[in-house]
PDB file of all heavy atoms in Angstrom:
ATOM      1  N   GLN A   1      -3.887   7.906  -7.587  1.00  0.00           N
ATOM      2  CA  GLN A   1      -3.457   8.925  -8.538  1.00  0.00           C
ATOM      3  C   GLN A   1      -4.574   9.927  -8.837  1.00  0.00           C
ATOM      4  O   GLN A   1      -4.307  11.072  -9.215  1.00  0.00           O
ATOM      5  CB  GLN A   1      -3.015   8.254  -9.846  1.00  0.00           C
ATOM      6  CG  GLN A   1      -1.788   7.361  -9.727  1.00  0.00           C
ATOM      7  CD  GLN A   1      -0.508   8.160  -9.584  1.00  0.00           C
ATOM      8  OE1 GLN A   1      -0.346   9.206 -10.191  1.00  0.00           O
ATOM      9  NE2 GLN A   1       0.395   7.651  -8.771  1.00  0.00           N
ATOM     10  N   LEU A   2      -5.803   9.489  -8.654  1.00  0.00           N
ATOM     11  CA  LEU A   2      -6.943  10.381  -8.921  1.00  0.00           C
ATOM     12  C   LEU A   2      -7.094  11.444  -7.840  1.00  0.00           C
ATOM     13  O   LEU A   2      -7.833  12.414  -8.027  1.00  0.00           O
ATOM     14  CB  LEU A   2      -8.239   9.558  -9.015  1.00  0.00           C
ATOM     15  CG  LEU A   2      -8.269   8.451 -10.080  1.00  0.00           C
ATOM     16  CD1 LEU A   2      -9.563   7.650  -9.970  1.00  0.00           C
ATOM     17  CD2 LEU A   2      -8.125   9.048 -11.473  1.00  0.00           C
ATOM     18  N   PHE A   3      -6.415  11.235  -6.709  1.00  0.00           N
ATOM     19  CA  PHE A   3      -6.569  12.159  -5.573  1.00  0.00           C
ATOM     20  C   PHE A   3      -5.250  12.816  -5.197  1.00  0.00           C
ATOM     21  O   PHE A   3      -4.995  13.087  -4.024  1.00  0.00           O
ATOM     22  CB  PHE A   3      -7.127  11.395  -4.367  1.00  0.00           C
ATOM     23  CG  PHE A   3      -8.437  10.714  -4.616  1.00  0.00           C
ATOM     24  CD1 PHE A   3      -8.479   9.352  -4.899  1.00  0.00           C
ATOM     25  CD2 PHE A   3      -9.630  11.431  -4.603  1.00  0.00           C
ATOM     26  CE1 PHE A   3      -9.683   8.721  -5.144  1.00  0.00           C
ATOM     27  CE2 PHE A   3     -10.837  10.808  -4.846  1.00  0.00           C
ATOM     28  CZ  PHE A   3     -10.873   9.443  -5.120  1.00  0.00           C
ATOM     29  N   LEU A   4      -4.411  13.070  -6.201  1.00  0.00           N
ATOM     30  CA  LEU A   4      -3.110  13.675  -5.928  1.00  0.00           C
ATOM     31  C   LEU A   4      -3.229  15.048  -5.262  1.00  0.00           C
ATOM     32  O   LEU A   4      -2.361  15.451  -4.489  1.00  0.00           O
ATOM     33  CB  LEU A   4      -2.314  13.809  -7.232  1.00  0.00           C
ATOM     34  CG  LEU A   4      -1.595  12.540  -7.704  1.00  0.00           C
ATOM     35  CD1 LEU A   4      -1.032  12.738  -9.098  1.00  0.00           C
ATOM     36  CD2 LEU A   4      -0.482  12.164  -6.738  1.00  0.00           C
ATOM     37  N   LYS A   5      -4.299  15.758  -5.550  1.00  0.00           N
ATOM     38  CA  LYS A   5      -4.484  17.090  -4.968  1.00  0.00           C
ATOM     39  C   LYS A   5      -5.026  17.028  -3.535  1.00  0.00           C
ATOM     40  O   LYS A   5      -5.056  18.037  -2.845  1.00  0.00           O
ATOM     41  CB  LYS A   5      -5.418  17.931  -5.842  1.00  0.00           C
ATOM     42  CG  LYS A   5      -4.728  18.515  -7.066  1.00  0.00           C
ATOM     43  CD  LYS A   5      -5.545  19.637  -7.662  1.00  0.00           C
ATOM     44  CE  LYS A   5      -4.737  20.413  -8.690  1.00  0.00           C
ATOM     45  NZ  LYS A   5      -5.454  21.588  -9.205  1.00  0.00           N
ATOM     46  N   ASN A   6      -5.465  15.836  -3.135  1.00  0.00           N
ATOM     47  CA  ASN A   6      -5.950  15.647  -1.764  1.00  0.00           C
ATOM     48  C   ASN A   6      -4.945  14.758  -1.034  1.00  0.00           C
ATOM     49  O   ASN A   6      -4.975  13.546  -1.181  1.00  0.00           O
ATOM     50  CB  ASN A   6      -7.326  14.986  -1.771  1.00  0.00           C
ATOM     51  CG  ASN A   6      -7.951  14.927  -0.381  1.00  0.00           C
ATOM     52  OD1 ASN A   6      -7.266  14.691   0.602  1.00  0.00           O
ATOM     53  ND2 ASN A   6      -9.257  15.137  -0.318  1.00  0.00           N
ATOM     54  N   PRO A   7      -4.038  15.349  -0.254  1.00  0.00           N
ATOM     55  CA  PRO A   7      -2.954  14.564   0.360  1.00  0.00           C
ATOM     56  C   PRO A   7      -3.447  13.456   1.282  1.00  0.00           C
ATOM     57  O   PRO A   7      -2.786  12.419   1.423  1.00  0.00           O
ATOM     58  CB  PRO A   7      -2.148  15.613   1.130  1.00  0.00           C
ATOM     59  CG  PRO A   7      -3.084  16.752   1.335  1.00  0.00           C
ATOM     60  CD  PRO A   7      -3.975  16.766   0.131  1.00  0.00           C
ATOM     61  N   TYR A   8      -4.604  13.646   1.897  1.00  0.00           N
ATOM     62  CA  TYR A   8      -5.102  12.646   2.847  1.00  0.00           C
ATOM     63  C   TYR A   8      -5.642  11.413   2.134  1.00  0.00           C
ATOM     64  O   TYR A   8      -5.349  10.279   2.526  1.00  0.00           O
ATOM     65  CB  TYR A   8      -6.166  13.280   3.743  1.00  0.00           C
ATOM     66  CG  TYR A   8      -5.641  14.475   4.501  1.00  0.00           C
ATOM     67  CD1 TYR A   8      -6.024  15.770   4.156  1.00  0.00           C
ATOM     68  CD2 TYR A   8      -4.724  14.313   5.547  1.00  0.00           C
ATOM     69  CE1 TYR A   8      -5.518  16.871   4.833  1.00  0.00           C
ATOM     70  CE2 TYR A   8      -4.221  15.403   6.230  1.00  0.00           C
ATOM     71  CZ  TYR A   8      -4.612  16.677   5.870  1.00  0.00           C
ATOM     72  OH  TYR A   8      -4.108  17.757   6.530  1.00  0.00           O
ATOM     73  N   LEU A   9      -6.425  11.622   1.085  1.00  0.00           N
ATOM     74  CA  LEU A   9      -6.932  10.488   0.320  1.00  0.00           C
ATOM     75  C   LEU A   9      -5.798   9.785  -0.428  1.00  0.00           C
ATOM     76  O   LEU A   9      -5.748   8.554  -0.501  1.00  0.00           O
ATOM     77  CB  LEU A   9      -8.002  10.946  -0.671  1.00  0.00           C
ATOM     78  CG  LEU A   9      -9.387  11.258  -0.094  1.00  0.00           C
ATOM     79  CD1 LEU A   9     -10.316  11.781  -1.179  1.00  0.00           C
ATOM     80  CD2 LEU A   9      -9.984  10.009   0.551  1.00  0.00           C
ATOM     81  N   PHE A  10      -4.889  10.580  -0.977  1.00  0.00           N
ATOM     82  CA  PHE A  10      -3.746  10.015  -1.680  1.00  0.00           C
ATOM     83  C   PHE A  10      -2.917   9.150  -0.730  1.00  0.00           C
ATOM     84  O   PHE A  10      -2.496   8.034  -1.071  1.00  0.00           O
ATOM     85  CB  PHE A  10      -2.885  11.134  -2.258  1.00  0.00           C
ATOM     86  CG  PHE A  10      -1.661  10.655  -2.986  1.00  0.00           C
ATOM     87  CD1 PHE A  10      -1.754   9.757  -4.035  1.00  0.00           C
ATOM     88  CD2 PHE A  10      -0.394  11.097  -2.613  1.00  0.00           C
ATOM     89  CE1 PHE A  10      -0.622   9.303  -4.712  1.00  0.00           C
ATOM     90  CE2 PHE A  10       0.742  10.659  -3.286  1.00  0.00           C
ATOM     91  CZ  PHE A  10       0.618   9.760  -4.334  1.00  0.00           C
ATOM     92  N   SER A  11      -2.692   9.619   0.486  1.00  0.00           N
ATOM     93  CA  SER A  11      -1.935   8.878   1.484  1.00  0.00           C
ATOM     94  C   SER A  11      -2.672   7.609   1.898  1.00  0.00           C
ATOM     95  O   SER A  11      -2.047   6.565   2.138  1.00  0.00           O
ATOM     96  CB  SER A  11      -1.682   9.747   2.721  1.00  0.00           C
ATOM     97  OG  SER A  11      -0.868  10.858   2.401  1.00  0.00           O
ATOM     98  N   LEU A  12      -3.994   7.679   1.981  1.00  0.00           N
ATOM     99  CA  LEU A  12      -4.788   6.515   2.372  1.00  0.00           C
ATOM    100  C   LEU A  12      -4.632   5.374   1.372  1.00  0.00           C
ATOM    101  O   LEU A  12      -4.400   4.221   1.759  1.00  0.00           O
ATOM    102  CB  LEU A  12      -6.261   6.909   2.492  1.00  0.00           C
ATOM    103  CG  LEU A  12      -7.236   5.783   2.864  1.00  0.00           C
ATOM    104  CD1 LEU A  12      -6.902   5.244   4.254  1.00  0.00           C
ATOM    105  CD2 LEU A  12      -8.674   6.276   2.806  1.00  0.00           C
ATOM    106  N   PHE A  13      -4.734   5.689   0.085  1.00  0.00           N
ATOM    107  CA  PHE A  13      -4.580   4.655  -0.939  1.00  0.00           C
ATOM    108  C   PHE A  13      -3.129   4.184  -1.030  1.00  0.00           C
ATOM    109  O   PHE A  13      -2.869   3.014  -1.317  1.00  0.00           O
ATOM    110  CB  PHE A  13      -5.065   5.183  -2.290  1.00  0.00           C
ATOM    111  CG  PHE A  13      -6.565   5.222  -2.419  1.00  0.00           C
ATOM    112  CD1 PHE A  13      -7.261   6.418  -2.314  1.00  0.00           C
ATOM    113  CD2 PHE A  13      -7.279   4.054  -2.631  1.00  0.00           C
ATOM    114  CE1 PHE A  13      -8.643   6.452  -2.420  1.00  0.00           C
ATOM    115  CE2 PHE A  13      -8.659   4.072  -2.739  1.00  0.00           C
ATOM    116  CZ  PHE A  13      -9.339   5.273  -2.635  1.00  0.00           C
ATOM    117  N   SER A  14      -2.185   5.087  -0.780  1.00  0.00           N
ATOM    118  CA  SER A  14      -0.773   4.695  -0.763  1.00  0.00           C
ATOM    119  C   SER A  14      -0.509   3.733   0.387  1.00  0.00           C
ATOM    120  O   SER A  14       0.255   2.765   0.247  1.00  0.00           O
ATOM    121  CB  SER A  14       0.121   5.932  -0.613  1.00  0.00           C
ATOM    122  OG  SER A  14      -0.022   6.795  -1.719  1.00  0.00           O
ATOM    123  N   LEU A  15      -1.143   3.999   1.528  1.00  0.00           N
ATOM    124  CA  LEU A  15      -1.008   3.122   2.692  1.00  0.00           C
ATOM    125  C   LEU A  15      -1.473   1.709   2.360  1.00  0.00           C
ATOM    126  O   LEU A  15      -0.781   0.726   2.646  1.00  0.00           O
ATOM    127  CB  LEU A  15      -1.825   3.682   3.856  1.00  0.00           C
ATOM    128  CG  LEU A  15      -1.965   2.797   5.100  1.00  0.00           C
ATOM    129  CD1 LEU A  15      -0.605   2.611   5.763  1.00  0.00           C
ATOM    130  CD2 LEU A  15      -2.961   3.406   6.080  1.00  0.00           C
ATOM    131  N   LEU A  16      -2.621   1.603   1.732  1.00  0.00           N
ATOM    132  CA  LEU A  16      -3.160   0.297   1.355  1.00  0.00           C
ATOM    133  C   LEU A  16      -2.234  -0.407   0.371  1.00  0.00           C
ATOM    134  O   LEU A  16      -2.009  -1.617   0.465  1.00  0.00           O
ATOM    135  CB  LEU A  16      -4.554   0.471   0.739  1.00  0.00           C
ATOM    136  CG  LEU A  16      -5.287  -0.806   0.337  1.00  0.00           C
ATOM    137  CD1 LEU A  16      -5.439  -1.737   1.533  1.00  0.00           C
ATOM    138  CD2 LEU A  16      -6.653  -0.471  -0.261  1.00  0.00           C
ATOM    139  N   SER A  17      -1.682   0.353  -0.556  1.00  0.00           N
ATOM    140  CA  SER A  17      -0.770  -0.217  -1.546  1.00  0.00           C
ATOM    141  C   SER A  17       0.480  -0.784  -0.882  1.00  0.00           C
ATOM    142  O   SER A  17       0.926  -1.892  -1.214  1.00  0.00           O
ATOM    143  CB  SER A  17      -0.375   0.853  -2.573  1.00  0.00           C
ATOM    144  OG  SER A  17       0.534   0.340  -3.514  1.00  0.00           O
ATOM    145  N   TYR A  18       1.041  -0.055   0.078  1.00  0.00           N
ATOM    146  CA  TYR A  18       2.245  -0.528   0.762  1.00  0.00           C
ATOM    147  C   TYR A  18       1.965  -1.757   1.615  1.00  0.00           C
ATOM    148  O   TYR A  18       2.798  -2.661   1.723  1.00  0.00           O
ATOM    149  CB  TYR A  18       2.839   0.587   1.628  1.00  0.00           C
ATOM    150  CG  TYR A  18       3.736   1.520   0.861  1.00  0.00           C
ATOM    151  CD1 TYR A  18       3.292   2.776   0.455  1.00  0.00           C
ATOM    152  CD2 TYR A  18       5.039   1.151   0.531  1.00  0.00           C
ATOM    153  CE1 TYR A  18       4.113   3.641  -0.260  1.00  0.00           C
ATOM    154  CE2 TYR A  18       5.873   1.998  -0.178  1.00  0.00           C
ATOM    155  CZ  TYR A  18       5.406   3.241  -0.569  1.00  0.00           C
ATOM    156  OH  TYR A  18       6.224   4.084  -1.281  1.00  0.00           O
ATOM    157  N   ILE A  19       0.792  -1.809   2.232  1.00  0.00           N
ATOM    158  CA  ILE A  19       0.438  -2.985   3.039  1.00  0.00           C
ATOM    159  C   ILE A  19       0.335  -4.222   2.154  1.00  0.00           C
ATOM    160  O   ILE A  19       0.824  -5.304   2.497  1.00  0.00           O
ATOM    161  CB  ILE A  19      -0.888  -2.750   3.792  1.00  0.00           C
ATOM    162  CG1 ILE A  19      -0.707  -1.664   4.852  1.00  0.00           C
ATOM    163  CG2 ILE A  19      -1.383  -4.044   4.434  1.00  0.00           C
ATOM    164  CD1 ILE A  19      -1.986  -1.277   5.565  1.00  0.00           C
ATOM    165  N   ILE A  20      -0.276  -4.074   0.989  1.00  0.00           N
ATOM    166  CA  ILE A  20      -0.401  -5.202   0.060  1.00  0.00           C
ATOM    167  C   ILE A  20       0.976  -5.671  -0.400  1.00  0.00           C
ATOM    168  O   ILE A  20       1.244  -6.876  -0.479  1.00  0.00           O
ATOM    169  CB  ILE A  20      -1.268  -4.806  -1.154  1.00  0.00           C
ATOM    170  CG1 ILE A  20      -2.715  -4.586  -0.711  1.00  0.00           C
ATOM    171  CG2 ILE A  20      -1.207  -5.883  -2.239  1.00  0.00           C
ATOM    172  CD1 ILE A  20      -3.621  -4.032  -1.790  1.00  0.00           C
ATOM    173  N   GLN A  21       1.864  -4.725  -0.697  1.00  0.00           N
ATOM    174  CA  GLN A  21       3.215  -5.092  -1.109  1.00  0.00           C
ATOM    175  C   GLN A  21       3.949  -5.860  -0.008  1.00  0.00           C
ATOM    176  O   GLN A  21       4.757  -6.756  -0.289  1.00  0.00           O
ATOM    177  CB  GLN A  21       4.009  -3.848  -1.478  1.00  0.00           C
ATOM    178  CG  GLN A  21       3.548  -3.167  -2.756  1.00  0.00           C
ATOM    179  CD  GLN A  21       4.318  -1.893  -3.046  1.00  0.00           C
ATOM    180  OE1 GLN A  21       5.537  -1.862  -2.914  1.00  0.00           O
ATOM    181  NE2 GLN A  21       3.622  -0.840  -3.427  1.00  0.00           N
ATOM    182  N   SER A  22       3.649  -5.529   1.244  1.00  0.00           N
ATOM    183  CA  SER A  22       4.301  -6.203   2.366  1.00  0.00           C
ATOM    184  C   SER A  22       3.875  -7.661   2.485  1.00  0.00           C
ATOM    185  O   SER A  22       4.538  -8.448   3.176  1.00  0.00           O
ATOM    186  CB  SER A  22       3.981  -5.469   3.680  1.00  0.00           C
ATOM    187  OG  SER A  22       4.473  -4.151   3.649  1.00  0.00           O
ATOM    188  N   PHE A  23       2.777  -8.026   1.841  1.00  0.00           N
ATOM    189  CA  PHE A  23       2.305  -9.405   1.918  1.00  0.00           C
ATOM    190  C   PHE A  23       3.299 -10.388   1.292  1.00  0.00           C
ATOM    191  O   PHE A  23       3.199 -11.596   1.488  1.00  0.00           O
ATOM    192  CB  PHE A  23       0.939  -9.541   1.241  1.00  0.00           C
ATOM    193  CG  PHE A  23      -0.210  -9.058   2.099  1.00  0.00           C
ATOM    194  CD1 PHE A  23       0.030  -8.511   3.342  1.00  0.00           C
ATOM    195  CD2 PHE A  23      -1.503  -9.160   1.656  1.00  0.00           C
ATOM    196  CE1 PHE A  23      -1.012  -8.057   4.142  1.00  0.00           C
ATOM    197  CE2 PHE A  23      -2.562  -8.713   2.452  1.00  0.00           C
ATOM    198  CZ  PHE A  23      -2.305  -8.155   3.700  1.00  0.00           C
ATOM    199  N   THR A  24       4.265  -9.873   0.528  1.00  0.00           N
ATOM    200  CA  THR A  24       5.307 -10.770  -0.003  1.00  0.00           C
ATOM    201  C   THR A  24       6.085 -11.426   1.140  1.00  0.00           C
ATOM    202  O   THR A  24       6.604 -12.533   0.981  1.00  0.00           O
ATOM    203  CB  THR A  24       6.299 -10.003  -0.899  1.00  0.00           C
ATOM    204  OG1 THR A  24       6.872  -8.909  -0.153  1.00  0.00           O
ATOM    205  CG2 THR A  24       5.600  -9.451  -2.137  1.00  0.00           C
ATOM    206  N   MET A  25       6.143 -10.743   2.298  1.00  0.00           N
ATOM    207  CA  MET A  25       6.864 -11.307   3.435  1.00  0.00           C
ATOM    208  C   MET A  25       6.172 -12.562   3.955  1.00  0.00           C
ATOM    209  O   MET A  25       6.834 -13.465   4.487  1.00  0.00           O
ATOM    210  CB  MET A  25       6.980 -10.256   4.545  1.00  0.00           C
ATOM    211  CG  MET A  25       7.720 -10.730   5.783  1.00  0.00           C
ATOM    212  SD  MET A  25       9.381 -11.419   5.490  1.00  0.00           S
ATOM    213  CE  MET A  25      10.235  -9.993   4.853  1.00  0.00           C
ATOM    214  N   ILE A  26       4.861 -12.656   3.805  1.00  0.00           N
ATOM    215  CA  ILE A  26       4.149 -13.850   4.257  1.00  0.00           C
ATOM    216  C   ILE A  26       4.583 -15.046   3.429  1.00  0.00           C
ATOM    217  O   ILE A  26       4.966 -16.093   3.971  1.00  0.00           O
ATOM    218  CB  ILE A  26       2.619 -13.640   4.146  1.00  0.00           C
ATOM    219  CG1 ILE A  26       2.191 -12.417   4.957  1.00  0.00           C
ATOM    220  CG2 ILE A  26       1.866 -14.895   4.612  1.00  0.00           C
ATOM    221  CD1 ILE A  26       0.736 -12.035   4.763  1.00  0.00           C
ATOM    222  N   ALA A  27       4.556 -14.891   2.109  1.00  0.00           N
ATOM    223  CA  ALA A  27       4.986 -15.971   1.220  1.00  0.00           C
ATOM    224  C   ALA A  27       6.465 -16.277   1.421  1.00  0.00           C
ATOM    225  O   ALA A  27       6.876 -17.445   1.415  1.00  0.00           O
ATOM    226  CB  ALA A  27       4.714 -15.596  -0.232  1.00  0.00           C
ATOM    227  N   SER A  28       7.274 -15.234   1.612  1.00  0.00           N
ATOM    228  CA  SER A  28       8.709 -15.433   1.800  1.00  0.00           C
ATOM    229  C   SER A  28       9.008 -16.210   3.082  1.00  0.00           C
ATOM    230  O   SER A  28       9.930 -17.027   3.124  1.00  0.00           O
ATOM    231  CB  SER A  28       9.434 -14.081   1.845  1.00  0.00           C
ATOM    232  OG  SER A  28       9.358 -13.429   0.590  1.00  0.00           O
ATOM    233  N   THR A  29       8.223 -15.952   4.132  1.00  0.00           N
ATOM    234  CA  THR A  29       8.437 -16.664   5.388  1.00  0.00           C
ATOM    235  C   THR A  29       8.038 -18.130   5.270  1.00  0.00           C
ATOM    236  O   THR A  29       8.734 -19.018   5.769  1.00  0.00           O
ATOM    237  CB  THR A  29       7.647 -15.994   6.532  1.00  0.00           C
ATOM    238  OG1 THR A  29       7.999 -14.612   6.609  1.00  0.00           O
ATOM    239  CG2 THR A  29       7.968 -16.664   7.862  1.00  0.00           C
ATOM    240  N   VAL A  30       6.919 -18.393   4.613  1.00  0.00           N
ATOM    241  CA  VAL A  30       6.516 -19.774   4.351  1.00  0.00           C
ATOM    242  C   VAL A  30       7.618 -20.485   3.564  1.00  0.00           C
ATOM    243  O   VAL A  30       8.007 -21.620   3.875  1.00  0.00           O
ATOM    244  CB  VAL A  30       5.184 -19.823   3.563  1.00  0.00           C
ATOM    245  CG1 VAL A  30       4.849 -21.261   3.158  1.00  0.00           C
ATOM    246  CG2 VAL A  30       4.049 -19.235   4.387  1.00  0.00           C
ATOM    247  N   PHE A  31       8.124 -19.816   2.555  1.00  0.00           N
ATOM    248  CA  PHE A  31       9.187 -20.352   1.705  1.00  0.00           C
ATOM    249  C   PHE A  31      10.449 -20.607   2.522  1.00  0.00           C
ATOM    250  O   PHE A  31      11.091 -21.665   2.413  1.00  0.00           O
ATOM    251  CB  PHE A  31       9.450 -19.363   0.570  1.00  0.00           C
ATOM    252  CG  PHE A  31      10.357 -19.862  -0.511  1.00  0.00           C
ATOM    253  CD1 PHE A  31      10.425 -21.209  -0.851  1.00  0.00           C
ATOM    254  CD2 PHE A  31      11.152 -18.967  -1.222  1.00  0.00           C
ATOM    255  CE1 PHE A  31      11.269 -21.658  -1.858  1.00  0.00           C
ATOM    256  CE2 PHE A  31      11.996 -19.408  -2.230  1.00  0.00           C
ATOM    257  CZ  PHE A  31      12.056 -20.756  -2.545  1.00  0.00           C
TER     258      PHE A  31
END
């Protein structure tokens, strides 16, 4: 959110956020 005016940095942190959210699939698969 601190880099909203910089689309590249904003996208980079958004990318990391989405990857972390995807980690729910690891737990879901184990389950």
